[in-house]
C-alpha atoms as a PDB file:
ATOM      1  CA  MET A   1    -101.882 -91.999-136.533  1.00  0.00           C
ATOM      2  CA  ASN A   2     -99.285 -89.528-135.145  1.00  0.00           C
ATOM      3  CA  MET A   3     -99.427 -87.922-131.699  1.00  0.00           C
ATOM      4  CA  LYS A   4    -100.853 -84.655-133.011  1.00  0.00           C
ATOM      5  CA  ASN A   5    -103.794 -86.375-134.720  1.00  0.00           C
ATOM      6  CA  THR A   6    -104.479 -88.460-131.568  1.00  0.00           C
ATOM      7  CA  VAL A   7    -104.698 -85.344-129.399  1.00  0.00           C
ATOM      8  CA  ILE A   8    -107.062 -83.657-131.876  1.00  0.00           C
ATOM      9  CA  THR A   9    -109.318 -86.747-131.940  1.00  0.00           C
ATOM     10  CA  LEU A  10    -109.528 -86.879-128.147  1.00  0.00           C
ATOM     11  CA  ILE A  11    -110.394 -83.169-127.967  1.00  0.00           C
ATOM     12  CA  LEU A  12    -113.180 -83.588-130.526  1.00  0.00           C
ATOM     13  CA  LEU A  13    -114.550 -86.604-128.637  1.00  0.00           C
ATOM     14  CA  VAL A  14    -114.725 -84.627-125.379  1.00  0.00           C
ATOM     15  CA  VAL A  15    -116.487 -81.739-127.147  1.00  0.00           C
ATOM     16  CA  VAL A  16    -119.081 -84.071-128.717  1.00  0.00           C
ATOM     17  CA  LEU A  17    -119.810 -85.856-125.447  1.00  0.00           C
ATOM     18  CA  SER A  18    -120.119 -82.562-123.586  1.00  0.00           C
ATOM     19  CA  GLY A  19    -122.596 -81.283-126.177  1.00  0.00           C
ATOM     20  CA  CYS A  20    -124.867 -84.337-125.660  1.00  0.00           C
ATOM     21  CA  LYS A  21    -125.422 -83.680-121.967  1.00  0.00           C
ATOM     22  CA  LYS A  22    -128.736 -82.107-120.944  1.00  0.00           C
ATOM     23  CA  ALA A  23    -130.058 -81.358-117.492  1.00  0.00           C
ATOM     24  CA  ASN A  24    -132.552 -83.863-116.083  1.00  0.00           C
ATOM     25  CA  ILE A  25    -132.051 -86.445-118.833  1.00  0.00           C
ATOM     26  CA  SER A  26    -131.407 -90.029-117.762  1.00  0.00           C
ATOM     27  CA  ASP A  27    -131.274 -93.427-119.433  1.00  0.00           C
ATOM     28  CA  ASP A  28    -133.588 -94.619-116.653  1.00  0.00           C
ATOM     29  CA  PRO A  29    -136.862 -92.671-116.994  1.00  0.00           C
ATOM     30  CA  TYR A  30    -138.072 -93.849-113.586  1.00  0.00           C
ATOM     31  CA  ILE A  31    -135.105 -93.002-111.419  1.00  0.00           C
ATOM     32  CA  ASP A  32    -136.071 -91.564-108.015  1.00  0.00           C
ATOM     33  CA  SER A  33    -134.141 -88.368-108.422  1.00  0.00           C
ATOM     34  CA  ILE A  34    -132.527 -86.918-111.546  1.00  0.00           C
ATOM     35  CA  GLY A  35    -129.895 -84.355-110.639  1.00  0.00           C
ATOM     36  CA  GLY A  36    -131.563 -83.746-107.281  1.00  0.00           C
ATOM     37  CA  VAL A  37    -135.035 -83.288-108.805  1.00  0.00           C
ATOM     38  CA  LYS A  38    -137.954 -84.814-106.875  1.00  0.00           C
ATOM     39  CA  ILE A  39    -141.636 -85.469-107.587  1.00  0.00           C
ATOM     40  CA  ARG A  40    -144.377 -82.897-107.029  1.00  0.00           C
ATOM     41  CA  TYR A  41    -147.616 -84.874-106.779  1.00  0.00           C
ATOM     42  CA  ILE A  42    -150.946 -83.121-107.407  1.00  0.00           C
ATOM     43  CA  VAL A  43    -154.270 -84.804-106.571  1.00  0.00           C
ATOM     44  CA  SER A  44    -157.616 -83.447-107.771  1.00  0.00           C
ATOM     45  CA  VAL A  45    -160.635 -84.810-105.872  1.00  0.00           C
ATOM     46  CA  VAL A  46    -163.997 -84.632-107.659  1.00  0.00           C
ATOM     47  CA  ASP A  47    -167.584 -85.818-107.164  1.00  0.00           C
ATOM     48  CA  GLY A  48    -168.133 -88.913-109.301  1.00  0.00           C
ATOM     49  CA  SER A  49    -171.930 -88.662-109.175  1.00  0.00           C
ATOM     50  CA  SER A  50    -172.308 -85.327-110.935  1.00  0.00           C
ATOM     51  CA  THR A  51    -171.517 -85.753-114.648  1.00  0.00           C
ATOM     52  CA  ILE A  52    -170.806 -88.316-117.338  1.00  0.00           C
ATOM     53  CA  GLY A  53    -167.273 -89.707-116.972  1.00  0.00           C
ATOM     54  CA  LYS A  54    -164.817 -87.724-114.879  1.00  0.00           C
ATOM     55  CA  SER A  55    -166.648 -85.044-112.948  1.00  0.00           C
ATOM     56  CA  ASP A  56    -165.985 -81.318-113.074  1.00  0.00           C
ATOM     57  CA  LEU A  57    -167.544 -80.848-109.624  1.00  0.00           C
ATOM     58  CA  THR A  58    -164.691 -80.607-107.128  1.00  0.00           C
ATOM     59  CA  ILE A  59    -164.899 -81.444-103.428  1.00  0.00           C
ATOM     60  CA  ASP A  60    -163.328 -78.887-101.117  1.00  0.00           C
ATOM     61  CA  ASN A  61    -163.445 -80.692 -97.750  1.00  0.00           C
ATOM     62  CA  ALA A  62    -161.600 -83.939 -98.520  1.00  0.00           C
ATOM     63  CA  THR A  63    -158.326 -85.083 -96.958  1.00  0.00           C
ATOM     64  CA  VAL A  64    -155.601 -86.824 -98.953  1.00  0.00           C
ATOM     65  CA  CYS A  65    -153.057 -89.136 -97.308  1.00  0.00           C
ATOM     66  CA  VAL A  66    -149.959 -90.369 -99.170  1.00  0.00           C
ATOM     67  CA  VAL A  67    -147.607 -93.122 -97.974  1.00  0.00           C
ATOM     68  CA  VAL A  68    -144.148 -93.119 -99.582  1.00  0.00           C
ATOM     69  CA  ASN A  69    -141.568 -95.580 -98.280  1.00  0.00           C
ATOM     70  CA  ASP A  70    -141.780 -95.185 -94.483  1.00  0.00           C
ATOM     71  CA  SER A  71    -143.224 -91.670 -94.521  1.00  0.00           C
ATOM     72  CA  VAL A  72    -146.879 -90.654 -94.235  1.00  0.00           C
ATOM     73  CA  TYR A  73    -148.070 -87.263 -95.515  1.00  0.00           C
ATOM     74  CA  GLU A  74    -151.607 -85.956 -95.033  1.00  0.00           C
ATOM     75  CA  THR A  75    -153.151 -82.676 -96.166  1.00  0.00           C
ATOM     76  CA  PRO A  76    -156.631 -81.240 -96.765  1.00  0.00           C
ATOM     77  CA  VAL A  77    -157.564 -80.185-100.284  1.00  0.00           C
ATOM     78  CA  ASP A  78    -157.919 -76.490-101.088  1.00  0.00           C
ATOM     79  CA  ASN A  79    -161.057 -74.685-102.259  1.00  0.00           C
ATOM     80  CA  ASN A  80    -160.541 -76.190-105.705  1.00  0.00           C
ATOM     81  CA  GLY A  81    -160.380 -79.747-104.405  1.00  0.00           C
ATOM     82  CA  ILE A  82    -156.620 -79.998-104.967  1.00  0.00           C
ATOM     83  CA  ALA A  83    -153.915 -81.372-102.663  1.00  0.00           C
ATOM     84  CA  VAL A  84    -150.199 -80.914-103.424  1.00  0.00           C
ATOM     85  CA  PHE A  85    -147.270 -82.979-102.123  1.00  0.00           C
ATOM     86  CA  SER A  86    -143.698 -81.893-102.845  1.00  0.00           C
ATOM     87  CA  ASN A  87    -140.263 -83.520-102.555  1.00  0.00           C
ATOM     88  CA  LEU A  88    -141.522 -87.069-102.947  1.00  0.00           C
ATOM     89  CA  PHE A  89    -139.593 -89.984-104.387  1.00  0.00           C
ATOM     90  CA  ALA A  90    -140.753 -91.781-107.495  1.00  0.00           C
ATOM     91  CA  GLY A  91    -142.259 -95.258-107.404  1.00  0.00           C
ATOM     92  CA  ASN A  92    -145.580 -96.776-106.393  1.00  0.00           C
ATOM     93  CA  THR A  93    -147.336 -95.108-103.496  1.00  0.00           C
ATOM     94  CA  ILE A  94    -150.481 -95.698-101.428  1.00  0.00           C
ATOM     95  CA  VAL A  95    -153.036 -92.876-101.515  1.00  0.00           C
ATOM     96  CA  GLN A  96    -156.160 -92.598 -99.360  1.00  0.00           C
ATOM     97  CA  ILE A  97    -158.857 -89.976 -99.939  1.00  0.00           C
ATOM     98  CA  LYS A  98    -161.398 -89.408 -97.186  1.00  0.00           C
ATOM     99  CA  CYS A  99    -164.357 -87.061 -96.967  1.00  0.00           C
ATOM    100  CA  GLU A 100    -167.376 -87.097 -94.666  1.00  0.00           C
ATOM    101  CA  GLY A 101    -170.470 -88.215 -96.535  1.00  0.00           C
ATOM    102  CA  TYR A 102    -168.489 -89.818 -99.367  1.00  0.00           C
ATOM    103  CA  THR A 103    -166.946 -93.167-100.178  1.00  0.00           C
ATOM    104  CA  THR A 104    -163.300 -93.512 -99.109  1.00  0.00           C
ATOM    105  CA  ALA A 105    -160.865 -94.229-101.943  1.00  0.00           C
ATOM    106  CA  ASN A 106    -157.771 -96.377-101.321  1.00  0.00           C
ATOM    107  CA  LEU A 107    -155.402 -96.366-104.292  1.00  0.00           C
ATOM    108  CA  VAL A 108    -152.019 -97.630-105.421  1.00  0.00           C
ATOM    109  CA  VAL A 109    -150.626 -94.897-107.670  1.00  0.00           C
ATOM    110  CA  ASP A 110    -147.745 -94.912-110.136  1.00  0.00           C
ATOM    111  CA  LEU A 111    -145.808 -91.970-108.735  1.00  0.00           C
ATOM    112  CA  ARG A 112    -143.388 -91.726-111.597  1.00  0.00           C
ATOM    113  CA  ALA A 113    -142.672 -89.186-114.307  1.00  0.00           C
ATOM    114  CA  MET A 114    -140.699 -89.418-117.504  1.00  0.00           C
ATOM    115  CA  PRO A 115    -137.586 -87.215-117.873  1.00  0.00           C
ATOM    116  CA  ASP A 116    -137.968 -83.733-119.294  1.00  0.00           C
ATOM    117  CA  THR A 117    -138.569 -85.074-122.793  1.00  0.00           C
ATOM    118  CA  SER A 118    -142.212 -84.703-121.713  1.00  0.00           C
ATOM    119  CA  HIS A 119    -141.560 -81.282-120.150  1.00  0.00           C
ATOM    120  CA  VAL A 120    -143.530 -81.962-116.966  1.00  0.00           C
ATOM    121  CA  TYR A 121    -141.621 -79.661-114.615  1.00  0.00           C
ATOM    122  CA  ASP A 122    -142.741 -76.787-112.444  1.00  0.00           C
ATOM    123  CA  ALA A 123    -140.921 -73.527-111.709  1.00  0.00           C
ATOM    124  CA  SER A 124    -138.977 -75.198-108.892  1.00  0.00           C
ATOM    125  CA  ASN A 125    -137.717 -77.859-111.317  1.00  0.00           C
ATOM    126  CA  HIS A 126    -139.804 -80.601-109.716  1.00  0.00           C
ATOM    127  CA  ARG A 127    -141.153 -83.322-111.961  1.00  0.00           C
ATOM    128  CA  VAL A 128    -144.952 -83.012-111.872  1.00  0.00           C
ATOM    129  CA  VAL A 129    -147.214 -86.057-111.503  1.00  0.00           C
ATOM    130  CA  SER A 130    -150.995 -85.733-111.158  1.00  0.00           C
ATOM    131  CA  SER A 131    -154.096 -87.830-110.470  1.00  0.00           C
ATOM    132  CA  ILE A 132    -157.819 -87.116-110.763  1.00  0.00           C
ATOM    133  CA  VAL A 133    -159.845 -89.244-108.350  1.00  0.00           C
ATOM    134  CA  SER A 134    -163.633 -89.389-108.048  1.00  0.00           C
ATOM    135  CA  ILE A 135    -165.397 -90.226-104.800  1.00  0.00           C
ATOM    136  CA  PHE A 136    -169.135 -90.820-104.467  1.00  0.00           C
ATOM    137  CA  PRO A 137    -171.772 -89.485-102.033  1.00  0.00           C
ATOM    138  CA  THR A 138    -173.099 -91.974 -99.480  1.00  0.00           C
ATOM    139  CA  SER A 139    -176.148 -89.868 -98.578  1.00  0.00           C
ATOM    140  CA  GLY A 140    -178.418 -87.329-100.182  1.00  0.00           C
ATOM    141  CA  GLU A 141    -180.431 -87.047-103.385  1.00  0.00           C
ATOM    142  CA  SER A 142    -177.730 -88.435-105.668  1.00  0.00           C
ATOM    143  CA  LEU A 143    -178.159 -91.966-104.294  1.00  0.00           C
ATOM    144  CA  ALA A 144    -180.072 -94.488-106.381  1.00  0.00           C
ATOM    145  CA  ASN A 145    -183.048 -96.306-104.871  1.00  0.00           C
ATOM    146  CA  VAL A 146    -183.205-100.065-105.483  1.00  0.00           C
ATOM    147  CA  SER A 147    -186.099-102.179-104.197  1.00  0.00           C
ATOM    148  CA  GLY A 148    -188.154-105.214-105.064  1.00  0.00           C
ATOM    149  CA  LYS A 149    -189.930-108.356-103.930  1.00  0.00           C
ATOM    150  CA  ILE A 150    -188.302-111.640-102.896  1.00  0.00           C
ATOM    151  CA  ARG A 151    -190.035-114.716-104.249  1.00  0.00           C
ATOM    152  CA  ALA A 152    -189.476-118.477-104.606  1.00  0.00           C
ATOM    153  CA  GLU A 153    -191.266-121.703-105.512  1.00  0.00           C
ATOM    154  CA  LEU A 154    -192.292-122.731-102.004  1.00  0.00           C
ATOM    155  CA  ASP A 155    -195.403-124.686-103.033  1.00  0.00           C
ATOM    156  CA  LEU A 156    -195.438-126.994-106.047  1.00  0.00           C
ATOM    157  CA  THR A 157    -199.187-127.557-105.790  1.00  0.00           C
ATOM    158  CA  ASN A 158    -199.916-124.253-107.505  1.00  0.00           C
ATOM    159  CA  THR A 159    -198.425-122.288-110.424  1.00  0.00           C
ATOM    160  CA  GLU A 160    -197.572-119.105-108.546  1.00  0.00           C
ATOM    161  CA  LEU A 161    -194.331-118.084-106.870  1.00  0.00           C
ATOM    162  CA  GLU A 162    -194.638-117.445-103.144  1.00  0.00           C
ATOM    163  CA  THR A 163    -193.365-114.523-101.107  1.00  0.00           C
ATOM    164  CA  VAL A 164    -190.239-115.260 -99.055  1.00  0.00           C
ATOM    165  CA  THR A 165    -190.686-113.922 -95.535  1.00  0.00           C
ATOM    166  CA  ASN A 166    -187.570-115.511 -94.020  1.00  0.00           C
ATOM    167  CA  ASP A 167    -185.150-113.173 -92.253  1.00  0.00           C
ATOM    168  CA  ILE A 168    -182.449-112.920 -94.924  1.00  0.00           C
ATOM    169  CA  LYS A 169    -179.975-110.227 -95.950  1.00  0.00           C
ATOM    170  CA  VAL A 170    -179.740-108.745 -99.424  1.00  0.00           C
ATOM    171  CA  ARG A 171    -176.401-107.296-100.547  1.00  0.00           C
ATOM    172  CA  ALA A 172    -175.404-104.957-103.371  1.00  0.00           C
ATOM    173  CA  ASN A 173    -171.691-104.844-104.219  1.00  0.00           C
ATOM    174  CA  VAL A 174    -170.367-102.463-106.874  1.00  0.00           C
ATOM    175  CA  ILE A 175    -168.465-103.995-109.803  1.00  0.00           C
ATOM    176  CA  ALA A 176    -164.966-102.662-109.150  1.00  0.00           C
ATOM    177  CA  THR A 177    -163.915-102.449-112.797  1.00  0.00           C
ATOM    178  CA  ASP A 178    -166.528 -99.730-113.351  1.00  0.00           C
ATOM    179  CA  LEU A 179    -164.720 -97.524-110.848  1.00  0.00           C
ATOM    180  CA  TYR A 180    -161.620 -97.402-113.065  1.00  0.00           C
ATOM    181  CA  ASN A 181    -163.632 -95.140-115.367  1.00  0.00           C
ATOM    182  CA  TYR A 182    -163.465 -92.464-112.674  1.00  0.00           C
ATOM    183  CA  VAL A 183    -159.699 -92.339-112.083  1.00  0.00           C
ATOM    184  CA  ASP A 184    -156.653 -91.774-114.305  1.00  0.00           C
ATOM    185  CA  HIS A 185    -154.825 -95.001-115.042  1.00  0.00           C
ATOM    186  CA  ASN A 186    -152.866 -94.665-118.288  1.00  0.00           C
ATOM    187  CA  CYS A 187    -150.216 -92.089-117.445  1.00  0.00           C
ATOM    188  CA  SER A 188    -147.820 -90.893-114.772  1.00  0.00           C
ATOM    189  CA  GLY A 189    -149.900 -90.650-111.634  1.00  0.00           C
ATOM    190  CA  GLY A 190    -152.071 -93.445-112.990  1.00  0.00           C
ATOM    191  CA  VAL A 191    -153.949 -95.753-110.633  1.00  0.00           C
ATOM    192  CA  ILE A 192    -152.588 -99.302-110.574  1.00  0.00           C
ATOM    193  CA  ASN A 193    -155.095-100.684-108.078  1.00  0.00           C
ATOM    194  CA  LEU A 194    -158.060 -99.308-106.169  1.00  0.00           C
ATOM    195  CA  ASN A 195    -160.564-100.086-103.463  1.00  0.00           C
ATOM    196  CA  TYR A 196    -163.525 -98.011-102.301  1.00  0.00           C
ATOM    197  CA  THR A 197    -165.242 -98.436 -98.941  1.00  0.00           C
ATOM    198  CA  ASP A 198    -169.016 -98.008 -98.482  1.00  0.00           C
ATOM    199  CA  PHE A 199    -169.846 -99.781-101.732  1.00  0.00           C
ATOM    200  CA  ILE A 200    -171.241-102.924-100.084  1.00  0.00           C
ATOM    201  CA  ILE A 201    -174.850-102.128 -99.161  1.00  0.00           C
ATOM    202  CA  THR A 202    -177.069-104.486 -97.153  1.00  0.00           C
ATOM    203  CA  SER A 203    -180.811-104.651 -96.606  1.00  0.00           C
ATOM    204  CA  SER A 204    -182.944-106.999 -94.518  1.00  0.00           C
ATOM    205  CA  ASN A 205    -185.952-108.782 -95.949  1.00  0.00           C
ATOM    206  CA  SER A 206    -189.166-107.350 -94.528  1.00  0.00           C
ATOM    207  CA  SER A 207    -192.338-109.323 -95.340  1.00  0.00           C
ATOM    208  CA  GLY A 208    -191.038-110.288 -98.762  1.00  0.00           C
ATOM    209  CA  ASN A 209    -189.635-106.884 -99.727  1.00  0.00           C
ATOM    210  CA  TYR A 210    -186.216-105.275 -99.666  1.00  0.00           C
ATOM    211  CA  SER A 211    -185.074-101.691-100.226  1.00  0.00           C
ATOM    212  CA  MET A 212    -181.657 -99.993-100.325  1.00  0.00           C
ATOM    213  CA  LYS A 213    -179.964 -96.754-101.357  1.00  0.00           C
ATOM    214  CA  VAL A 214    -176.656 -97.075-103.212  1.00  0.00           C
ATOM    215  CA  PRO A 215    -173.992 -94.617-104.429  1.00  0.00           C
ATOM    216  CA  ALA A 216    -174.474 -93.905-108.127  1.00  0.00           C
ATOM    217  CA  SER A 217    -173.118 -91.863-111.018  1.00  0.00           C
ATOM    218  CA  ALA A 218    -174.574 -90.021-113.985  1.00  0.00           C
ATOM    219  CA  LYS A 219    -172.786 -92.452-116.291  1.00  0.00           C
ATOM    220  CA  GLY A 220    -174.057 -95.477-114.359  1.00  0.00           C
ATOM    221  CA  LEU A 221    -172.507 -97.897-111.891  1.00  0.00           C
ATOM    222  CA  ARG A 222    -173.162-101.625-111.986  1.00  0.00           C
ATOM    223  CA  TYR A 223    -173.880-103.602-108.832  1.00  0.00           C
ATOM    224  CA  ILE A 224    -174.056-107.323-108.185  1.00  0.00           C
ATOM    225  CA  ILE A 225    -177.119-108.136-106.083  1.00  0.00           C
ATOM    226  CA  ASN A 226    -177.132-111.290-104.015  1.00  0.00           C
ATOM    227  CA  ALA A 227    -178.782-112.600-100.848  1.00  0.00           C
ATOM    228  CA  ASP A 228    -178.395-115.274 -98.174  1.00  0.00           C
ATOM    229  CA  ASP A 229    -179.410-118.867 -98.764  1.00  0.00           C
ATOM    230  CA  PHE A 230    -182.353-120.149 -96.768  1.00  0.00           C
ATOM    231  CA  GLU A 231    -184.004-123.500 -96.127  1.00  0.00           C
ATOM    232  CA  HIS A 232    -187.687-124.296 -96.321  1.00  0.00           C
ATOM    233  CA  PHE A 233    -189.919-127.354 -96.338  1.00  0.00           C
ATOM    234  CA  GLN A 234    -191.314-127.122 -99.831  1.00  0.00           C
ATOM    235  CA  GLN A 235    -194.904-128.292-100.368  1.00  0.00           C
ATOM    236  CA  ILE A 236    -194.595-131.193-102.811  1.00  0.00           C
ATOM    237  CA  THR A 237    -198.176-132.473-102.681  1.00  0.00           C
ATOM    238  CA  ALA A 238    -201.192-131.599-100.601  1.00  0.00           C
ATOM    239  CA  SER A 239    -199.916-133.945 -97.888  1.00  0.00           C
ATOM    240  CA  SER A 240    -196.118-134.051 -98.276  1.00  0.00           C
ATOM    241  CA  LEU A 241    -193.230-131.697 -97.630  1.00  0.00           C
ATOM    242  CA  LEU A 242    -189.565-131.854 -98.664  1.00  0.00           C
ATOM    243  CA  ARG A 243    -186.689-129.908 -97.136  1.00  0.00           C
ATOM    244  CA  LYS A 244    -185.006-127.710 -99.732  1.00  0.00           C
ATOM    245  CA  ILE A 245    -182.102-125.237 -99.736  1.00  0.00           C
ATOM    246  CA  TYR A 246    -182.875-122.145-101.810  1.00  0.00           C
ATOM    247  CA  ASN A 247    -180.077-120.206-103.538  1.00  0.00           C
ATOM    248  CA  LEU A 248    -180.322-116.861-105.257  1.00  0.00           C
ATOM    249  CA  LYS A 249    -178.459-116.544-108.535  1.00  0.00           C
ATOM    250  CA  ALA A 250    -176.525-113.278-108.393  1.00  0.00           C
ATOM    251  CA  ASP A 251    -177.859-110.601-110.729  1.00  0.00           C
ATOM    252  CA  THR A 252    -176.585-107.214-111.881  1.00  0.00           C
ATOM    253  CA  ILE A 253    -178.182-103.795-112.064  1.00  0.00           C
ATOM    254  CA  SER A 254    -176.873-100.480-113.431  1.00  0.00           C
ATOM    255  CA  VAL A 255    -177.882 -97.366-111.493  1.00  0.00           C
ATOM    256  CA  GLN A 256    -177.623 -93.672-112.267  1.00  0.00           C
ATOM    257  CA  THR A 257    -177.621 -90.648-110.000  1.00  0.00           C
ATOM    258  CA  GLY A 258    -180.973 -90.179-108.273  1.00  0.00           C
ATOM    259  CA  GLY A 259    -182.621 -93.054-110.143  1.00  0.00           C
ATOM    260  CA  THR A 260    -185.325 -95.429-108.861  1.00  0.00           C
ATOM    261  CA  TYR A 261    -185.089 -99.108-109.788  1.00  0.00           C
ATOM    262  CA  ILE A 262    -187.246-102.164-109.108  1.00  0.00           C
ATOM    263  CA  LYS A 263    -185.435-105.490-109.088  1.00  0.00           C
ATOM    264  CA  ASP A 264    -187.353-108.562-107.957  1.00  0.00           C
ATOM    265  CA  LEU A 265    -185.209-111.401-106.591  1.00  0.00           C
ATOM    266  CA  ILE A 266    -186.284-114.921-107.572  1.00  0.00           C
ATOM    267  CA  TYR A 267    -184.811-117.864-105.657  1.00  0.00           C
ATOM    268  CA  GLN A 268    -184.162-121.151-107.444  1.00  0.00           C
END
């Protein structure tokens, strides 16, 4: 190849490479900043008790807190239940959503966005990442009512179960995997991990009965119901007693918004 052909080849190569360049494109789709572009993170807070699946009832008095690296950002939502955070770096972030009268949501969110092949940019050329998060009322008519009797075989000399009057605590704990149905978790802004406060409800045994009100949803939330162990001298015969430790086998119940449920607890 002579010198003239070499020069022509180099010129063509430069032209081709220059034509392949495009703003905001990177081989690493999760880089913190592409050409100076940062993340704009939008959070929509909704009431999880109102409809099937993700609610369309927004909450306008919640506060959203975001922790990115060593920085903490907190802002109230607007009248549409939306909070916006600009100039954030990509990566996993901790998000807390608080609102009086509702469960508090603590989330780990994937604060990443693909390059502009997905065209998720706003007018300021920020990559846009969004999350929809449901929180649940802890008071009011939307709560589900769960109650029942507590019974056990305290006396073997008859065929009936006896009422347990011991001072024991009954607990209802929501099954966490159900809560993933109320947040986004398969896209940019998806929830990697979550924890809600106010989902462990306790009730004391009163003369063989218990009663509690629990956060619920129109779609249904499942709770595990359990209670303390207790000891009792079981009547074996008319004249003999035997000390026994009674354990309650945990049971589940699904509750919907405003529902009333009766769940008797039978100790083994």
